[in-house]
Amino acid sequence: MIENHQFLGKIHSAFVDKAPQALGLTLRCVPFNLKKQVIEQLLQLQFKHSLEDGDLDFLENRWLKIEVTDLGLIWFVSLINYKLVVSREEIPDVSFTGNANDLIMIATRRQDPDTLFFQRRLIVEGDTELGLYVKNLMDSIELDTMPKFLRLTLEKLANIIESAPTN
């Protein structure tokens, strides 16, 4: 019975390690304009109140590069005319780079961005002040304010990641 449990644990661990790369292959086939539309809509939903309150003004005409290494995804986000916009290629003022599992754990508040930064699993480069604003924004996101489908999906993924045995 123990051998069976260990075998299932190895499969679970391999799934958590390899699933982002497989998903990344699929996502690379999706046209950028479609990904852009989805990301912009999610950002508008998530940050509706922050936009109204001016909490994102620090991003005005400045570019944040987000790179999810194992998915092979890169996009740039800025605030232009009071709206969050996504672009395929810009000159970033600050960059945040990490793998999908770590970013999911940050989004669900199960990992602290500072901890991952000091472990070199979250890489922040560029304008330090802007990076700090972005990190503080990430820290201020309440799970309850996320669109329900996004929150539930992220929480389920975090449960899978968290429960994977470590090698």
C-alpha atoms as a PDB file:
ATOM      1  CA  MET A   1       0.000   0.000   0.000  1.00  0.00           C
ATOM      2  CA  ILE A   2       2.871   2.383   0.846  1.00  0.00           C
ATOM      3  CA  GLU A   3       4.469   1.737  -2.560  1.00  0.00           C
ATOM      4  CA  ASN A   4       1.174   2.639  -4.267  1.00  0.00           C
ATOM      5  CA  HIS A   5       0.956   5.865  -2.233  1.00  0.00           C
ATOM      6  CA  GLN A   6       4.568   6.748  -3.125  1.00  0.00           C
ATOM      7  CA  PHE A   7       3.854   6.036  -6.792  1.00  0.00           C
ATOM      8  CA  LEU A   8       0.801   8.320  -6.750  1.00  0.00           C
ATOM      9  CA  GLY A   9       2.847  10.960  -4.941  1.00  0.00           C
ATOM     10  CA  LYS A  10       5.481  10.828  -7.683  1.00  0.00           C
ATOM     11  CA  ILE A  11       2.804  11.200 -10.366  1.00  0.00           C
ATOM     12  CA  HIS A  12       1.268  14.151  -8.490  1.00  0.00           C
ATOM     13  CA  SER A  13       4.677  15.792  -8.111  1.00  0.00           C
ATOM     14  CA  ALA A  14       5.528  15.226 -11.791  1.00  0.00           C
ATOM     15  CA  PHE A  15       2.155  16.680 -12.806  1.00  0.00           C
ATOM     16  CA  VAL A  16       2.743  19.834 -10.745  1.00  0.00           C
ATOM     17  CA  ASP A  17       6.245  20.188 -12.222  1.00  0.00           C
ATOM     18  CA  LYS A  18       5.358  19.477 -15.871  1.00  0.00           C
ATOM     19  CA  ALA A  19       1.780  20.750 -16.320  1.00  0.00           C
ATOM     20  CA  PRO A  20       2.809  24.407 -16.801  1.00  0.00           C
ATOM     21  CA  GLN A  21       5.150  23.490 -19.660  1.00  0.00           C
ATOM     22  CA  ALA A  22       2.413  21.486 -21.383  1.00  0.00           C
ATOM     23  CA  LEU A  23      -0.051  24.336 -20.871  1.00  0.00           C
ATOM     24  CA  GLY A  24       2.557  26.747 -22.202  1.00  0.00           C
ATOM     25  CA  LEU A  25       2.787  24.799 -25.467  1.00  0.00           C
ATOM     26  CA  THR A  26      -0.972  25.134 -25.860  1.00  0.00           C
ATOM     27  CA  LEU A  27      -1.014  28.831 -24.948  1.00  0.00           C
ATOM     28  CA  ARG A  28       1.666  29.612 -27.531  1.00  0.00           C
ATOM     29  CA  CYS A  29      -0.843  28.529 -30.189  1.00  0.00           C
ATOM     30  CA  VAL A  30      -3.403  31.081 -28.978  1.00  0.00           C
ATOM     31  CA  PRO A  31      -3.162  34.374 -30.903  1.00  0.00           C
ATOM     32  CA  PHE A  32      -1.757  37.240 -28.824  1.00  0.00           C
ATOM     33  CA  ASN A  33      -4.801  39.452 -29.483  1.00  0.00           C
ATOM     34  CA  LEU A  34      -7.047  36.864 -27.829  1.00  0.00           C
ATOM     35  CA  LYS A  35      -4.708  36.547 -24.819  1.00  0.00           C
ATOM     36  CA  LYS A  36      -4.538  40.360 -24.657  1.00  0.00           C
ATOM     37  CA  GLN A  37      -8.330  40.630 -24.590  1.00  0.00           C
ATOM     38  CA  VAL A  38      -8.657  38.066 -21.793  1.00  0.00           C
ATOM     39  CA  ILE A  39      -5.854  39.580 -19.683  1.00  0.00           C
ATOM     40  CA  GLU A  40      -7.220  43.111 -20.091  1.00  0.00           C
ATOM     41  CA  GLN A  41     -10.719  42.015 -19.084  1.00  0.00           C
ATOM     42  CA  LEU A  42      -9.395  40.178 -16.017  1.00  0.00           C
ATOM     43  CA  LEU A  43      -7.292  43.203 -15.036  1.00  0.00           C
ATOM     44  CA  GLN A  44     -10.247  45.567 -15.453  1.00  0.00           C
ATOM     45  CA  LEU A  45     -12.430  43.294 -13.303  1.00  0.00           C
ATOM     46  CA  GLN A  46      -9.799  42.760 -10.631  1.00  0.00           C
ATOM     47  CA  PHE A  47      -8.678  46.387 -10.369  1.00  0.00           C
ATOM     48  CA  LYS A  48     -11.955  48.205 -11.040  1.00  0.00           C
ATOM     49  CA  HIS A  49     -12.025  49.923  -7.636  1.00  0.00           C
ATOM     50  CA  SER A  50      -8.275  50.548  -7.574  1.00  0.00           C
ATOM     51  CA  LEU A  51      -8.565  52.276 -10.954  1.00  0.00           C
ATOM     52  CA  GLU A  52     -11.480  54.396  -9.735  1.00  0.00           C
ATOM     53  CA  ASP A  53      -9.590  55.326  -6.548  1.00  0.00           C
ATOM     54  CA  GLY A  54      -6.406  56.242  -8.445  1.00  0.00           C
ATOM     55  CA  ASP A  55      -4.405  53.496  -6.720  1.00  0.00           C
ATOM     56  CA  LEU A  56      -2.818  52.491 -10.032  1.00  0.00           C
ATOM     57  CA  ASP A  57      -1.746  55.961 -11.136  1.00  0.00           C
ATOM     58  CA  PHE A  58       1.878  54.959 -10.465  1.00  0.00           C
ATOM     59  CA  LEU A  59       1.650  52.817 -13.638  1.00  0.00           C
ATOM     60  CA  GLU A  60       0.529  55.693 -15.848  1.00  0.00           C
ATOM     61  CA  ASN A  61       2.524  55.572 -19.086  1.00  0.00           C
ATOM     62  CA  ARG A  62       5.017  53.178 -17.471  1.00  0.00           C
ATOM     63  CA  TRP A  63       5.389  49.561 -18.496  1.00  0.00           C
ATOM     64  CA  LEU A  64       5.389  46.525 -16.229  1.00  0.00           C
ATOM     65  CA  LYS A  65       6.728  43.388 -17.891  1.00  0.00           C
ATOM     66  CA  ILE A  66       5.328  40.110 -16.583  1.00  0.00           C
ATOM     67  CA  GLU A  67       7.063  36.914 -17.625  1.00  0.00           C
ATOM     68  CA  VAL A  68       5.866  33.446 -16.701  1.00  0.00           C
ATOM     69  CA  THR A  69       8.945  31.435 -17.587  1.00  0.00           C
ATOM     70  CA  ASP A  70       7.576  27.890 -17.707  1.00  0.00           C
ATOM     71  CA  LEU A  71       4.499  28.958 -19.691  1.00  0.00           C
ATOM     72  CA  GLY A  72       6.605  30.954 -22.126  1.00  0.00           C
ATOM     73  CA  LEU A  73       4.287  33.940 -21.618  1.00  0.00           C
ATOM     74  CA  ILE A  74       5.408  37.555 -21.637  1.00  0.00           C
ATOM     75  CA  TRP A  75       3.186  40.594 -21.624  1.00  0.00           C
ATOM     76  CA  PHE A  76       3.463  44.241 -20.716  1.00  0.00           C
ATOM     77  CA  VAL A  77       0.909  46.219 -18.691  1.00  0.00           C
ATOM     78  CA  SER A  78       0.470  49.972 -18.377  1.00  0.00           C
ATOM     79  CA  LEU A  79      -2.153  52.497 -17.355  1.00  0.00           C
ATOM     80  CA  ILE A  80      -3.091  54.625 -20.338  1.00  0.00           C
ATOM     81  CA  ASN A  81      -6.023  57.044 -20.248  1.00  0.00           C
ATOM     82  CA  TYR A  82      -7.231  55.539 -16.943  1.00  0.00           C
ATOM     83  CA  LYS A  83      -7.383  52.047 -18.425  1.00  0.00           C
ATOM     84  CA  LEU A  84      -5.081  49.066 -17.966  1.00  0.00           C
ATOM     85  CA  VAL A  85      -3.708  48.021 -21.323  1.00  0.00           C
ATOM     86  CA  VAL A  86      -1.692  44.985 -22.360  1.00  0.00           C
ATOM     87  CA  SER A  87       0.936  44.977 -25.066  1.00  0.00           C
ATOM     88  CA  ARG A  88       3.097  42.323 -26.700  1.00  0.00           C
ATOM     89  CA  GLU A  89       6.334  44.316 -26.760  1.00  0.00           C
ATOM     90  CA  GLU A  90       7.417  47.464 -24.927  1.00  0.00           C
ATOM     91  CA  ILE A  91      10.477  48.767 -23.150  1.00  0.00           C
ATOM     92  CA  PRO A  92       9.758  47.823 -19.527  1.00  0.00           C
ATOM     93  CA  ASP A  93      10.275  50.170 -16.609  1.00  0.00           C
ATOM     94  CA  VAL A  94      10.155  47.155 -14.289  1.00  0.00           C
ATOM     95  CA  SER A  95      10.004  43.385 -14.852  1.00  0.00           C
ATOM     96  CA  PHE A  96       8.561  40.602 -12.723  1.00  0.00           C
ATOM     97  CA  THR A  97       9.639  37.088 -13.705  1.00  0.00           C
ATOM     98  CA  GLY A  98       8.627  33.801 -12.126  1.00  0.00           C
ATOM     99  CA  ASN A  99       7.200  30.390 -12.847  1.00  0.00           C
ATOM    100  CA  ALA A 100       3.467  29.672 -12.969  1.00  0.00           C
ATOM    101  CA  ASN A 101       3.295  27.696  -9.719  1.00  0.00           C
ATOM    102  CA  ASP A 102       5.063  30.403  -7.707  1.00  0.00           C
ATOM    103  CA  LEU A 103       2.897  33.145  -9.202  1.00  0.00           C
ATOM    104  CA  ILE A 104      -0.245  31.158  -8.373  1.00  0.00           C
ATOM    105  CA  MET A 105       0.985  30.780  -4.801  1.00  0.00           C
ATOM    106  CA  ILE A 106       1.584  34.549  -4.591  1.00  0.00           C
ATOM    107  CA  ALA A 107      -1.851  35.312  -6.052  1.00  0.00           C
ATOM    108  CA  THR A 108      -3.540  33.086  -3.451  1.00  0.00           C
ATOM    109  CA  ARG A 109      -1.448  34.560  -0.603  1.00  0.00           C
ATOM    110  CA  ARG A 110       0.127  31.192   0.189  1.00  0.00           C
ATOM    111  CA  GLN A 111       3.597  32.501  -0.607  1.00  0.00           C
ATOM    112  CA  ASP A 112       5.050  35.870   0.197  1.00  0.00           C
ATOM    113  CA  PRO A 113       6.598  37.691  -2.794  1.00  0.00           C
ATOM    114  CA  ASP A 114       9.504  38.859  -0.589  1.00  0.00           C
ATOM    115  CA  THR A 115      10.351  35.276   0.373  1.00  0.00           C
ATOM    116  CA  LEU A 116      10.333  34.151  -3.258  1.00  0.00           C
ATOM    117  CA  PHE A 117      12.381  37.216  -4.221  1.00  0.00           C
ATOM    118  CA  PHE A 118      15.079  36.380  -1.665  1.00  0.00           C
ATOM    119  CA  GLN A 119      15.033  32.736  -2.813  1.00  0.00           C
ATOM    120  CA  ARG A 120      15.551  34.066  -6.377  1.00  0.00           C
ATOM    121  CA  ARG A 121      12.324  32.424  -7.514  1.00  0.00           C
ATOM    122  CA  LEU A 122      10.711  35.820  -8.220  1.00  0.00           C
ATOM    123  CA  ILE A 123      12.982  38.134 -10.161  1.00  0.00           C
ATOM    124  CA  VAL A 124      12.313  41.871 -10.093  1.00  0.00           C
ATOM    125  CA  GLU A 125      14.426  44.079 -12.341  1.00  0.00           C
ATOM    126  CA  GLY A 126      14.336  47.724 -13.321  1.00  0.00           C
ATOM    127  CA  ASP A 127      12.908  50.729 -11.508  1.00  0.00           C
ATOM    128  CA  THR A 128      13.085  49.794  -7.817  1.00  0.00           C
ATOM    129  CA  GLU A 129      10.449  52.293  -6.714  1.00  0.00           C
ATOM    130  CA  LEU A 130       7.979  51.138  -9.369  1.00  0.00           C
ATOM    131  CA  GLY A 131       8.725  47.516  -8.452  1.00  0.00           C
ATOM    132  CA  LEU A 132       7.913  48.295  -4.827  1.00  0.00           C
ATOM    133  CA  TYR A 133       4.595  49.887  -5.830  1.00  0.00           C
ATOM    134  CA  VAL A 134       3.718  46.777  -7.862  1.00  0.00           C
ATOM    135  CA  LYS A 135       4.728  44.457  -5.000  1.00  0.00           C
ATOM    136  CA  ASN A 136       2.654  46.486  -2.531  1.00  0.00           C
ATOM    137  CA  LEU A 137      -0.275  46.294  -4.942  1.00  0.00           C
ATOM    138  CA  MET A 138       0.126  42.493  -5.084  1.00  0.00           C
ATOM    139  CA  ASP A 139       0.217  42.394  -1.279  1.00  0.00           C
ATOM    140  CA  SER A 140      -2.960  44.480  -1.038  1.00  0.00           C
ATOM    141  CA  ILE A 141      -5.114  42.249  -3.247  1.00  0.00           C
ATOM    142  CA  GLU A 142      -7.823  40.582  -1.220  1.00  0.00           C
ATOM    143  CA  LEU A 143      -8.871  37.154  -2.470  1.00  0.00           C
ATOM    144  CA  ASP A 144     -12.511  38.060  -1.825  1.00  0.00           C
ATOM    145  CA  THR A 145     -12.308  40.892  -4.359  1.00  0.00           C
ATOM    146  CA  MET A 146     -11.215  38.599  -7.190  1.00  0.00           C
ATOM    147  CA  PRO A 147     -13.804  37.535  -9.718  1.00  0.00           C
ATOM    148  CA  LYS A 148     -15.230  34.316  -8.258  1.00  0.00           C
ATOM    149  CA  PHE A 149     -14.269  32.048 -11.168  1.00  0.00           C
ATOM    150  CA  LEU A 150     -10.678  33.326 -11.062  1.00  0.00           C
ATOM    151  CA  ARG A 151     -10.400  33.025  -7.269  1.00  0.00           C
ATOM    152  CA  LEU A 152     -11.800  29.470  -7.225  1.00  0.00           C
ATOM    153  CA  THR A 153      -9.561  28.375 -10.100  1.00  0.00           C
ATOM    154  CA  LEU A 154      -6.448  29.831  -8.470  1.00  0.00           C
ATOM    155  CA  GLU A 155      -7.339  28.317  -5.103  1.00  0.00           C
ATOM    156  CA  LYS A 156      -7.850  24.850  -6.626  1.00  0.00           C
ATOM    157  CA  LEU A 157      -4.531  25.113  -8.472  1.00  0.00           C
ATOM    158  CA  ALA A 158      -2.788  26.273  -5.276  1.00  0.00           C
ATOM    159  CA  ASN A 159      -4.240  23.269  -3.404  1.00  0.00           C
ATOM    160  CA  ILE A 160      -2.827  20.923  -6.046  1.00  0.00           C
ATOM    161  CA  ILE A 161       0.573  22.646  -5.964  1.00  0.00           C
ATOM    162  CA  GLU A 162       0.699  22.759  -2.176  1.00  0.00           C
ATOM    163  CA  SER A 163      -0.240  19.110  -1.748  1.00  0.00           C
ATOM    164  CA  ALA A 164       2.428  17.811  -4.128  1.00  0.00           C
ATOM    165  CA  PRO A 165       5.151  15.848  -2.339  1.00  0.00           C
ATOM    166  CA  THR A 166       8.563  17.495  -2.549  1.00  0.00           C
ATOM    167  CA  ASN A 167      11.379  15.470  -3.993  1.00  0.00           C
END
